[in-house]
Amino acid sequence: MAAANAIKKIMPMLDRILVQRAEPMATTEGGIVVPEASRGKMRQGTVIAVGPGVRNNQNDAYIAPLVKEGDRVLLPEYGGTRFKMDDNKEYILYRESDILAKYE
């Protein structure tokens, strides 16, 4: 519960987006256990928090990001700033322009 509260306290700045990467499957549908070394990095995740957006130079207002909390997104193979919270899950901060797509 403390880790969930800690994540809610993280507020990305400007066009930054906080993403939790999806975990690769540990077993197949048939029940076969996949070794950790064979699991690929998941290039998808869930948006946890979103910054207010980039500033518009014309009027100093913010241009809102196209993603929102809860969206599932496709991520680049490299990039982002990785860190772990108290719950030992990996979270990554990306700029909005680094996110490849969102999907349903």
PDB file of N, CA and C in Angstrom:
ATOM      1  N   MET A   1       0.828  -1.186   0.000  1.00  0.00           N
ATOM      2  CA  MET A   1       0.000   0.000   0.000  1.00  0.00           C
ATOM      3  C   MET A   1       0.873   1.252   0.000  1.00  0.00           C
ATOM      4  N   ALA A   2       1.998   1.201   0.704  1.00  0.00           N
ATOM      5  CA  ALA A   2       2.887   2.363   0.758  1.00  0.00           C
ATOM      6  C   ALA A   2       3.474   2.664  -0.620  1.00  0.00           C
ATOM      7  N   ALA A   3       3.782   1.596  -1.403  1.00  0.00           N
ATOM      8  CA  ALA A   3       4.344   1.806  -2.737  1.00  0.00           C
ATOM      9  C   ALA A   3       3.318   2.456  -3.653  1.00  0.00           C
ATOM     10  N   ALA A   4       2.054   2.072  -3.533  1.00  0.00           N
ATOM     11  CA  ALA A   4       1.010   2.687  -4.355  1.00  0.00           C
ATOM     12  C   ALA A   4       0.888   4.174  -4.031  1.00  0.00           C
ATOM     13  N   ASN A   5       0.992   4.519  -2.763  1.00  0.00           N
ATOM     14  CA  ASN A   5       0.938   5.928  -2.373  1.00  0.00           C
ATOM     15  C   ASN A   5       2.157   6.678  -2.888  1.00  0.00           C
ATOM     16  N   ALA A   6       3.332   6.021  -2.874  1.00  0.00           N
ATOM     17  CA  ALA A   6       4.558   6.664  -3.358  1.00  0.00           C
ATOM     18  C   ALA A   6       4.450   6.960  -4.852  1.00  0.00           C
ATOM     19  N   ILE A   7       3.875   6.048  -5.629  1.00  0.00           N
ATOM     20  CA  ILE A   7       3.708   6.259  -7.059  1.00  0.00           C
ATOM     21  C   ILE A   7       2.749   7.416  -7.313  1.00  0.00           C
ATOM     22  N   LYS A   8       1.697   7.530  -6.511  1.00  0.00           N
ATOM     23  CA  LYS A   8       0.741   8.616  -6.687  1.00  0.00           C
ATOM     24  C   LYS A   8       1.377   9.967  -6.388  1.00  0.00           C
ATOM     25  N   LYS A   9       2.454   9.980  -5.598  1.00  0.00           N
ATOM     26  CA  LYS A   9       3.129  11.227  -5.264  1.00  0.00           C
ATOM     27  C   LYS A   9       4.089  11.674  -6.362  1.00  0.00           C
ATOM     28  N   ILE A  10       4.419  10.782  -7.288  1.00  0.00           N
ATOM     29  CA  ILE A  10       5.321  11.135  -8.384  1.00  0.00           C
ATOM     30  C   ILE A  10       4.507  11.867  -9.442  1.00  0.00           C
ATOM     31  N   MET A  11       4.917  13.088  -9.732  1.00  0.00           N
ATOM     32  CA  MET A  11       4.230  13.903 -10.731  1.00  0.00           C
ATOM     33  C   MET A  11       5.227  14.248 -11.831  1.00  0.00           C
ATOM     34  N   PRO A  12       5.103  13.613 -13.000  1.00  0.00           N
ATOM     35  CA  PRO A  12       6.024  13.921 -14.093  1.00  0.00           C
ATOM     36  C   PRO A  12       5.940  15.392 -14.490  1.00  0.00           C
ATOM     37  N   MET A  13       7.053  15.939 -14.895  1.00  0.00           N
ATOM     38  CA  MET A  13       7.122  17.342 -15.311  1.00  0.00           C
ATOM     39  C   MET A  13       6.941  17.446 -16.827  1.00  0.00           C
ATOM     40  N   LEU A  14       6.332  18.541 -17.244  1.00  0.00           N
ATOM     41  CA  LEU A  14       6.129  18.895 -18.652  1.00  0.00           C
ATOM     42  C   LEU A  14       5.572  17.734 -19.460  1.00  0.00           C
ATOM     43  N   ASP A  15       6.296  17.277 -20.493  1.00  0.00           N
ATOM     44  CA  ASP A  15       5.763  16.229 -21.368  1.00  0.00           C
ATOM     45  C   ASP A  15       6.258  14.840 -20.982  1.00  0.00           C
ATOM     46  N   ARG A  16       6.667  14.650 -19.738  1.00  0.00           N
ATOM     47  CA  ARG A  16       7.144  13.342 -19.288  1.00  0.00           C
ATOM     48  C   ARG A  16       5.950  12.450 -18.930  1.00  0.00           C
ATOM     49  N   ILE A  17       6.128  11.146 -19.161  1.00  0.00           N
ATOM     50  CA  ILE A  17       5.078  10.170 -18.893  1.00  0.00           C
ATOM     51  C   ILE A  17       5.699   9.011 -18.127  1.00  0.00           C
ATOM     52  N   LEU A  18       5.078   8.657 -16.989  1.00  0.00           N
ATOM     53  CA  LEU A  18       5.542   7.552 -16.156  1.00  0.00           C
ATOM     54  C   LEU A  18       4.834   6.278 -16.603  1.00  0.00           C
ATOM     55  N   VAL A  19       5.625   5.256 -16.950  1.00  0.00           N
ATOM     56  CA  VAL A  19       5.089   4.011 -17.494  1.00  0.00           C
ATOM     57  C   VAL A  19       5.591   2.847 -16.658  1.00  0.00           C
ATOM     58  N   GLN A  20       4.707   1.880 -16.419  1.00  0.00           N
ATOM     59  CA  GLN A  20       5.125   0.614 -15.816  1.00  0.00           C
ATOM     60  C   GLN A  20       5.150  -0.411 -16.934  1.00  0.00           C
ATOM     61  N   ARG A  21       6.336  -0.954 -17.174  1.00  0.00           N
ATOM     62  CA  ARG A  21       6.507  -1.924 -18.259  1.00  0.00           C
ATOM     63  C   ARG A  21       5.751  -3.209 -17.913  1.00  0.00           C
ATOM     64  N   ALA A  22       5.116  -3.812 -18.912  1.00  0.00           N
ATOM     65  CA  ALA A  22       4.403  -5.076 -18.725  1.00  0.00           C
ATOM     66  C   ALA A  22       5.409  -6.190 -18.452  1.00  0.00           C
ATOM     67  N   GLU A  23       5.008  -7.119 -17.618  1.00  0.00           N
ATOM     68  CA  GLU A  23       5.868  -8.262 -17.286  1.00  0.00           C
ATOM     69  C   GLU A  23       5.712  -9.346 -18.346  1.00  0.00           C
ATOM     70  N   PRO A  24       6.821  -9.967 -18.801  1.00  0.00           N
ATOM     71  CA  PRO A  24       6.699 -11.066 -19.757  1.00  0.00           C
ATOM     72  C   PRO A  24       6.077 -12.288 -19.091  1.00  0.00           C
ATOM     73  N   MET A  25       5.425 -13.112 -19.893  1.00  0.00           N
ATOM     74  CA  MET A  25       4.763 -14.297 -19.350  1.00  0.00           C
ATOM     75  C   MET A  25       5.793 -15.277 -18.805  1.00  0.00           C
ATOM     76  N   ALA A  26       5.527 -15.812 -17.607  1.00  0.00           N
ATOM     77  CA  ALA A  26       6.425 -16.780 -16.978  1.00  0.00           C
ATOM     78  C   ALA A  26       6.099 -18.200 -17.415  1.00  0.00           C
ATOM     79  N   THR A  27       4.855 -18.427 -17.843  1.00  0.00           N
ATOM     80  CA  THR A  27       4.459 -19.751 -18.323  1.00  0.00           C
ATOM     81  C   THR A  27       3.650 -19.590 -19.608  1.00  0.00           C
ATOM     82  N   THR A  28       3.671 -20.630 -20.423  1.00  0.00           N
ATOM     83  CA  THR A  28       2.884 -20.620 -21.656  1.00  0.00           C
ATOM     84  C   THR A  28       1.460 -21.054 -21.337  1.00  0.00           C
ATOM     85  N   GLU A  29       0.583 -20.962 -22.330  1.00  0.00           N
ATOM     86  CA  GLU A  29      -0.800 -21.394 -22.127  1.00  0.00           C
ATOM     87  C   GLU A  29      -0.875 -22.866 -21.777  1.00  0.00           C
ATOM     88  N   GLY A  30       0.076 -23.654 -22.251  1.00  0.00           N
ATOM     89  CA  GLY A  30       0.111 -25.088 -21.960  1.00  0.00           C
ATOM     90  C   GLY A  30       0.719 -25.425 -20.611  1.00  0.00           C
ATOM     91  N   GLY A  31       1.214 -24.414 -19.886  1.00  0.00           N
ATOM     92  CA  GLY A  31       1.771 -24.641 -18.559  1.00  0.00           C
ATOM     93  C   GLY A  31       3.280 -24.814 -18.519  1.00  0.00           C
ATOM     94  N   ILE A  32       3.951 -24.622 -19.633  1.00  0.00           N
ATOM     95  CA  ILE A  32       5.404 -24.764 -19.672  1.00  0.00           C
ATOM     96  C   ILE A  32       6.032 -23.508 -19.081  1.00  0.00           C
ATOM     97  N   VAL A  33       6.960 -23.680 -18.158  1.00  0.00           N
ATOM     98  CA  VAL A  33       7.639 -22.556 -17.521  1.00  0.00           C
ATOM     99  C   VAL A  33       8.728 -22.039 -18.457  1.00  0.00           C
ATOM    100  N   VAL A  34       8.705 -20.744 -18.716  1.00  0.00           N
ATOM    101  CA  VAL A  34       9.692 -20.116 -19.594  1.00  0.00           C
ATOM    102  C   VAL A  34      10.830 -19.593 -18.721  1.00  0.00           C
ATOM    103  N   PRO A  35      12.085 -20.028 -18.975  1.00  0.00           N
ATOM    104  CA  PRO A  35      13.209 -19.538 -18.174  1.00  0.00           C
ATOM    105  C   PRO A  35      13.365 -18.026 -18.289  1.00  0.00           C
ATOM    106  N   GLU A  36      13.837 -17.409 -17.227  1.00  0.00           N
ATOM    107  CA  GLU A  36      13.972 -15.950 -17.202  1.00  0.00           C
ATOM    108  C   GLU A  36      14.891 -15.450 -18.310  1.00  0.00           C
ATOM    109  N   ALA A  37      15.940 -16.206 -18.608  1.00  0.00           N
ATOM    110  CA  ALA A  37      16.884 -15.791 -19.644  1.00  0.00           C
ATOM    111  C   ALA A  37      16.235 -15.795 -21.031  1.00  0.00           C
ATOM    112  N   SER A  38      15.197 -16.593 -21.231  1.00  0.00           N
ATOM    113  CA  SER A  38      14.541 -16.690 -22.535  1.00  0.00           C
ATOM    114  C   SER A  38      13.411 -15.688 -22.719  1.00  0.00           C
ATOM    115  N   ARG A  39      12.993 -15.063 -21.639  1.00  0.00           N
ATOM    116  CA  ARG A  39      11.907 -14.094 -21.737  1.00  0.00           C
ATOM    117  C   ARG A  39      12.434 -12.814 -22.364  1.00  0.00           C
ATOM    118  N   GLY A  40      11.760 -12.343 -23.360  1.00  0.00           N
ATOM    119  CA  GLY A  40      12.151 -11.095 -24.004  1.00  0.00           C
ATOM    120  C   GLY A  40      11.670  -9.898 -23.203  1.00  0.00           C
ATOM    121  N   LYS A  41      12.283  -8.761 -23.451  1.00  0.00           N
ATOM    122  CA  LYS A  41      11.820  -7.529 -22.822  1.00  0.00           C
ATOM    123  C   LYS A  41      10.500  -7.132 -23.451  1.00  0.00           C
ATOM    124  N   MET A  42       9.554  -6.822 -22.618  1.00  0.00           N
ATOM    125  CA  MET A  42       8.254  -6.380 -23.127  1.00  0.00           C
ATOM    126  C   MET A  42       8.385  -4.938 -23.594  1.00  0.00           C
ATOM    127  N   ARG A  43       7.882  -4.679 -24.766  1.00  0.00           N
ATOM    128  CA  ARG A  43       7.952  -3.325 -25.316  1.00  0.00           C
ATOM    129  C   ARG A  43       6.591  -2.662 -25.239  1.00  0.00           C
ATOM    130  N   GLN A  44       5.881  -2.988 -24.165  1.00  0.00           N
ATOM    131  CA  GLN A  44       4.593  -2.361 -23.929  1.00  0.00           C
ATOM    132  C   GLN A  44       4.429  -2.117 -22.446  1.00  0.00           C
ATOM    133  N   GLY A  45       3.557  -1.204 -22.099  1.00  0.00           N
ATOM    134  CA  GLY A  45       3.365  -0.884 -20.697  1.00  0.00           C
ATOM    135  C   GLY A  45       2.079  -0.115 -20.482  1.00  0.00           C
ATOM    136  N   THR A  46       1.874   0.262 -19.224  1.00  0.00           N
ATOM    137  CA  THR A  46       0.682   1.010 -18.826  1.00  0.00           C
ATOM    138  C   THR A  46       1.108   2.368 -18.287  1.00  0.00           C
ATOM    139  N   VAL A  47       0.421   3.400 -18.705  1.00  0.00           N
ATOM    140  CA  VAL A  47       0.711   4.757 -18.248  1.00  0.00           C
ATOM    141  C   VAL A  47       0.218   4.896 -16.812  1.00  0.00           C
ATOM    142  N   ILE A  48       1.123   5.294 -15.912  1.00  0.00           N
ATOM    143  CA  ILE A  48       0.794   5.465 -14.498  1.00  0.00           C
ATOM    144  C   ILE A  48       0.490   6.928 -14.181  1.00  0.00           C
ATOM    145  N   ALA A  49       1.283   7.842 -14.730  1.00  0.00           N
ATOM    146  CA  ALA A  49       1.090   9.276 -14.476  1.00  0.00           C
ATOM    147  C   ALA A  49       1.549  10.064 -15.696  1.00  0.00           C
ATOM    148  N   VAL A  50       0.945  11.235 -15.886  1.00  0.00           N
ATOM    149  CA  VAL A  50       1.227  12.079 -17.048  1.00  0.00           C
ATOM    150  C   VAL A  50       1.478  13.502 -16.590  1.00  0.00           C
ATOM    151  N   GLY A  51       2.503  14.138 -17.151  1.00  0.00           N
ATOM    152  CA  GLY A  51       2.773  15.542 -16.860  1.00  0.00           C
ATOM    153  C   GLY A  51       1.759  16.439 -17.556  1.00  0.00           C
ATOM    154  N   PRO A  52       1.797  17.740 -17.287  1.00  0.00           N
ATOM    155  CA  PRO A  52       0.820  18.659 -17.863  1.00  0.00           C
ATOM    156  C   PRO A  52       0.993  18.898 -19.359  1.00  0.00           C
ATOM    157  N   GLY A  53       2.141  18.594 -19.924  1.00  0.00           N
ATOM    158  CA  GLY A  53       2.378  18.795 -21.352  1.00  0.00           C
ATOM    159  C   GLY A  53       3.462  19.833 -21.583  1.00  0.00           C
ATOM    160  N   VAL A  54       3.741  20.086 -22.849  1.00  0.00           N
ATOM    161  CA  VAL A  54       4.757  21.084 -23.199  1.00  0.00           C
ATOM    162  C   VAL A  54       4.118  22.469 -23.235  1.00  0.00           C
ATOM    163  N   ARG A  55       4.943  23.484 -23.015  1.00  0.00           N
ATOM    164  CA  ARG A  55       4.438  24.867 -23.050  1.00  0.00           C
ATOM    165  C   ARG A  55       4.346  25.368 -24.477  1.00  0.00           C
ATOM    166  N   ASN A  56       3.288  26.062 -24.749  1.00  0.00           N
ATOM    167  CA  ASN A  56       3.095  26.724 -26.027  1.00  0.00           C
ATOM    168  C   ASN A  56       3.824  28.067 -25.963  1.00  0.00           C
ATOM    169  N   ASN A  57       4.735  28.324 -26.877  1.00  0.00           N
ATOM    170  CA  ASN A  57       5.509  29.561 -26.867  1.00  0.00           C
ATOM    171  C   ASN A  57       4.656  30.795 -27.148  1.00  0.00           C
ATOM    172  N   GLN A  58       3.516  30.619 -27.790  1.00  0.00           N
ATOM    173  CA  GLN A  58       2.662  31.748 -28.154  1.00  0.00           C
ATOM    174  C   GLN A  58       1.979  32.384 -26.942  1.00  0.00           C
ATOM    175  N   ASN A  59       1.418  31.528 -26.051  1.00  0.00           N
ATOM    176  CA  ASN A  59       0.623  32.079 -24.958  1.00  0.00           C
ATOM    177  C   ASN A  59       0.954  31.493 -23.585  1.00  0.00           C
ATOM    178  N   ASP A  60       2.028  30.753 -23.465  1.00  0.00           N
ATOM    179  CA  ASP A  60       2.486  30.159 -22.206  1.00  0.00           C
ATOM    180  C   ASP A  60       1.521  29.124 -21.623  1.00  0.00           C
ATOM    181  N   ALA A  61       0.551  28.677 -22.389  1.00  0.00           N
ATOM    182  CA  ALA A  61      -0.357  27.619 -21.938  1.00  0.00           C
ATOM    183  C   ALA A  61       0.299  26.267 -22.220  1.00  0.00           C
ATOM    184  N   TYR A  62      -0.226  25.219 -21.603  1.00  0.00           N
ATOM    185  CA  TYR A  62       0.287  23.876 -21.836  1.00  0.00           C
ATOM    186  C   TYR A  62      -0.489  23.193 -22.953  1.00  0.00           C
ATOM    187  N   ILE A  63       0.225  22.426 -23.778  1.00  0.00           N
ATOM    188  CA  ILE A  63      -0.401  21.581 -24.789  1.00  0.00           C
ATOM    189  C   ILE A  63      -0.512  20.198 -24.163  1.00  0.00           C
ATOM    190  N   ALA A  64      -1.720  19.749 -23.915  1.00  0.00           N
ATOM    191  CA  ALA A  64      -1.962  18.490 -23.194  1.00  0.00           C
ATOM    192  C   ALA A  64      -1.419  17.290 -23.968  1.00  0.00           C
ATOM    193  N   PRO A  65      -0.880  16.295 -23.248  1.00  0.00           N
ATOM    194  CA  PRO A  65      -0.401  15.071 -23.896  1.00  0.00           C
ATOM    195  C   PRO A  65      -1.558  14.280 -24.502  1.00  0.00           C
ATOM    196  N   LEU A  66      -1.239  13.410 -25.446  1.00  0.00           N
ATOM    197  CA  LEU A  66      -2.249  12.596 -26.113  1.00  0.00           C
ATOM    198  C   LEU A  66      -2.579  11.320 -25.341  1.00  0.00           C
ATOM    199  N   VAL A  67      -1.772  10.960 -24.353  1.00  0.00           N
ATOM    200  CA  VAL A  67      -2.049   9.774 -23.548  1.00  0.00           C
ATOM    201  C   VAL A  67      -2.547  10.203 -22.172  1.00  0.00           C
ATOM    202  N   LYS A  68      -3.235   9.278 -21.499  1.00  0.00           N
ATOM    203  CA  LYS A  68      -3.727   9.560 -20.153  1.00  0.00           C
ATOM    204  C   LYS A  68      -3.455   8.349 -19.277  1.00  0.00           C
ATOM    205  N   GLU A  69      -3.631   8.505 -17.980  1.00  0.00           N
ATOM    206  CA  GLU A  69      -3.406   7.412 -17.042  1.00  0.00           C
ATOM    207  C   GLU A  69      -4.271   6.216 -17.419  1.00  0.00           C
ATOM    208  N   GLY A  70      -3.662   5.039 -17.378  1.00  0.00           N
ATOM    209  CA  GLY A  70      -4.377   3.806 -17.699  1.00  0.00           C
ATOM    210  C   GLY A  70      -4.240   3.363 -19.139  1.00  0.00           C
ATOM    211  N   ASP A  71      -3.765   4.233 -20.040  1.00  0.00           N
ATOM    212  CA  ASP A  71      -3.578   3.845 -21.442  1.00  0.00           C
ATOM    213  C   ASP A  71      -2.478   2.805 -21.552  1.00  0.00           C
ATOM    214  N   ARG A  72      -2.659   1.873 -22.484  1.00  0.00           N
ATOM    215  CA  ARG A  72      -1.600   0.910 -22.794  1.00  0.00           C
ATOM    216  C   ARG A  72      -0.827   1.455 -23.981  1.00  0.00           C
ATOM    217  N   VAL A  73       0.497   1.429 -23.883  1.00  0.00           N
ATOM    218  CA  VAL A  73       1.332   2.050 -24.907  1.00  0.00           C
ATOM    219  C   VAL A  73       2.428   1.104 -25.374  1.00  0.00           C
ATOM    220  N   LEU A  74       2.895   1.329 -26.606  1.00  0.00           N
ATOM    221  CA  LEU A  74       4.053   0.625 -27.149  1.00  0.00           C
ATOM    222  C   LEU A  74       5.279   1.479 -26.897  1.00  0.00           C
ATOM    223  N   LEU A  75       6.343   0.853 -26.434  1.00  0.00           N
ATOM    224  CA  LEU A  75       7.539   1.572 -26.005  1.00  0.00           C
ATOM    225  C   LEU A  75       8.713   1.285 -26.923  1.00  0.00           C
ATOM    226  N   PRO A  76       9.647   2.219 -27.020  1.00  0.00           N
ATOM    227  CA  PRO A  76      10.862   1.953 -27.795  1.00  0.00           C
ATOM    228  C   PRO A  76      11.735   0.934 -27.052  1.00  0.00           C
ATOM    229  N   GLU A  77      12.600   0.278 -27.799  1.00  0.00           N
ATOM    230  CA  GLU A  77      13.476  -0.727 -27.190  1.00  0.00           C
ATOM    231  C   GLU A  77      14.459  -0.083 -26.216  1.00  0.00           C
ATOM    232  N   TYR A  78      14.942   1.093 -26.544  1.00  0.00           N
ATOM    233  CA  TYR A  78      15.905   1.789 -25.691  1.00  0.00           C
ATOM    234  C   TYR A  78      15.359   3.160 -25.323  1.00  0.00           C
ATOM    235  N   GLY A  79      15.900   3.720 -24.267  1.00  0.00           N
ATOM    236  CA  GLY A  79      15.518   5.068 -23.882  1.00  0.00           C
ATOM    237  C   GLY A  79      14.747   5.092 -22.580  1.00  0.00           C
ATOM    238  N   GLY A  80      14.399   6.278 -22.169  1.00  0.00           N
ATOM    239  CA  GLY A  80      13.678   6.449 -20.920  1.00  0.00           C
ATOM    240  C   GLY A  80      14.608   6.421 -19.726  1.00  0.00           C
ATOM    241  N   THR A  81      14.108   6.878 -18.602  1.00  0.00           N
ATOM    242  CA  THR A  81      14.857   6.864 -17.348  1.00  0.00           C
ATOM    243  C   THR A  81      14.220   5.835 -16.431  1.00  0.00           C
ATOM    244  N   ARG A  82      14.976   4.777 -16.137  1.00  0.00           N
ATOM    245  CA  ARG A  82      14.454   3.678 -15.326  1.00  0.00           C
ATOM    246  C   ARG A  82      14.736   3.904 -13.849  1.00  0.00           C
ATOM    247  N   PHE A  83      13.789   3.462 -13.020  1.00  0.00           N
ATOM    248  CA  PHE A  83      14.009   3.473 -11.571  1.00  0.00           C
ATOM    249  C   PHE A  83      13.050   2.481 -10.925  1.00  0.00           C
ATOM    250  N   LYS A  84      13.396   2.059  -9.713  1.00  0.00           N
ATOM    251  CA  LYS A  84      12.557   1.131  -8.949  1.00  0.00           C
ATOM    252  C   LYS A  84      12.059   1.818  -7.695  1.00  0.00           C
ATOM    253  N   MET A  85      10.828   1.506  -7.336  1.00  0.00           N
ATOM    254  CA  MET A  85      10.230   2.033  -6.112  1.00  0.00           C
ATOM    255  C   MET A  85      10.327   0.952  -5.035  1.00  0.00           C
ATOM    256  N   ASP A  86       9.708   1.213  -3.898  1.00  0.00           N
ATOM    257  CA  ASP A  86       9.750   0.281  -2.772  1.00  0.00           C
ATOM    258  C   ASP A  86       9.145  -1.076  -3.106  1.00  0.00           C
ATOM    259  N   ASP A  87       8.256  -1.141  -4.091  1.00  0.00           N
ATOM    260  CA  ASP A  87       7.615  -2.410  -4.442  1.00  0.00           C
ATOM    261  C   ASP A  87       8.466  -3.261  -5.386  1.00  0.00           C
ATOM    262  N   ASN A  88       9.698  -2.827  -5.697  1.00  0.00           N
ATOM    263  CA  ASN A  88      10.649  -3.527  -6.568  1.00  0.00           C
ATOM    264  C   ASN A  88      10.150  -3.707  -7.994  1.00  0.00           C
ATOM    265  N   LYS A  89       9.197  -2.906  -8.430  1.00  0.00           N
ATOM    266  CA  LYS A  89       8.766  -2.920  -9.818  1.00  0.00           C
ATOM    267  C   LYS A  89       9.503  -1.817 -10.553  1.00  0.00           C
ATOM    268  N   GLU A  90       9.770  -2.065 -11.829  1.00  0.00           N
ATOM    269  CA  GLU A  90      10.497  -1.086 -12.629  1.00  0.00           C
ATOM    270  C   GLU A  90       9.515  -0.097 -13.266  1.00  0.00           C
ATOM    271  N   TYR A  91       9.812   1.166 -13.126  1.00  0.00           N
ATOM    272  CA  TYR A  91       9.044   2.243 -13.740  1.00  0.00           C
ATOM    273  C   TYR A  91       9.983   3.019 -14.641  1.00  0.00           C
ATOM    274  N   ILE A  92       9.446   3.596 -15.702  1.00  0.00           N
ATOM    275  CA  ILE A  92      10.273   4.307 -16.666  1.00  0.00           C
ATOM    276  C   ILE A  92       9.604   5.636 -17.001  1.00  0.00           C
ATOM    277  N   LEU A  93      10.399   6.697 -17.030  1.00  0.00           N
ATOM    278  CA  LEU A  93       9.930   8.011 -17.454  1.00  0.00           C
ATOM    279  C   LEU A  93      10.332   8.222 -18.909  1.00  0.00           C
ATOM    280  N   TYR A  94       9.362   8.528 -19.755  1.00  0.00           N
ATOM    281  CA  TYR A  94       9.606   8.818 -21.166  1.00  0.00           C
ATOM    282  C   TYR A  94       9.094  10.219 -21.478  1.00  0.00           C
ATOM    283  N   ARG A  95       9.646  10.821 -22.509  1.00  0.00           N
ATOM    284  CA  ARG A  95       9.026  12.011 -23.081  1.00  0.00           C
ATOM    285  C   ARG A  95       7.876  11.512 -23.952  1.00  0.00           C
ATOM    286  N   GLU A  96       6.867  12.340 -24.102  1.00  0.00           N
ATOM    287  CA  GLU A  96       5.712  11.926 -24.897  1.00  0.00           C
ATOM    288  C   GLU A  96       6.129  11.554 -26.321  1.00  0.00           C
ATOM    289  N   SER A  97       7.076  12.268 -26.880  1.00  0.00           N
ATOM    290  CA  SER A  97       7.502  12.019 -28.251  1.00  0.00           C
ATOM    291  C   SER A  97       8.238  10.678 -28.406  1.00  0.00           C
ATOM    292  N   ASP A  98       8.707  10.089 -27.296  1.00  0.00           N
ATOM    293  CA  ASP A  98       9.401   8.800 -27.364  1.00  0.00           C
ATOM    294  C   ASP A  98       8.441   7.623 -27.429  1.00  0.00           C
ATOM    295  N   ILE A  99       7.206   7.798 -26.989  1.00  0.00           N
ATOM    296  CA  ILE A  99       6.237   6.711 -26.984  1.00  0.00           C
ATOM    297  C   ILE A  99       5.780   6.476 -28.419  1.00  0.00           C
ATOM    298  N   LEU A 100       5.813   5.202 -28.832  1.00  0.00           N
ATOM    299  CA  LEU A 100       5.551   4.869 -30.232  1.00  0.00           C
ATOM    300  C   LEU A 100       4.070   4.906 -30.593  1.00  0.00           C
ATOM    301  N   ALA A 101       3.205   4.361 -29.733  1.00  0.00           N
ATOM    302  CA  ALA A 101       1.779   4.295 -30.033  1.00  0.00           C
ATOM    303  C   ALA A 101       1.019   3.938 -28.769  1.00  0.00           C
ATOM    304  N   LYS A 102      -0.277   4.175 -28.803  1.00  0.00           N
ATOM    305  CA  LYS A 102      -1.134   3.645 -27.736  1.00  0.00           C
ATOM    306  C   LYS A 102      -2.119   2.698 -28.400  1.00  0.00           C
ATOM    307  N   TYR A 103      -2.572   1.706 -27.650  1.00  0.00           N
ATOM    308  CA  TYR A 103      -3.489   0.725 -28.235  1.00  0.00           C
ATOM    309  C   TYR A 103      -4.519   0.301 -27.199  1.00  0.00           C
ATOM    310  N   GLU A 104      -5.567  -0.311 -27.695  1.00  0.00           N
ATOM    311  CA  GLU A 104      -6.662  -0.742 -26.819  1.00  0.00           C
ATOM    312  C   GLU A 104      -6.702  -2.229 -26.723  1.00  0.00           C
TER     313      GLU A 104
END
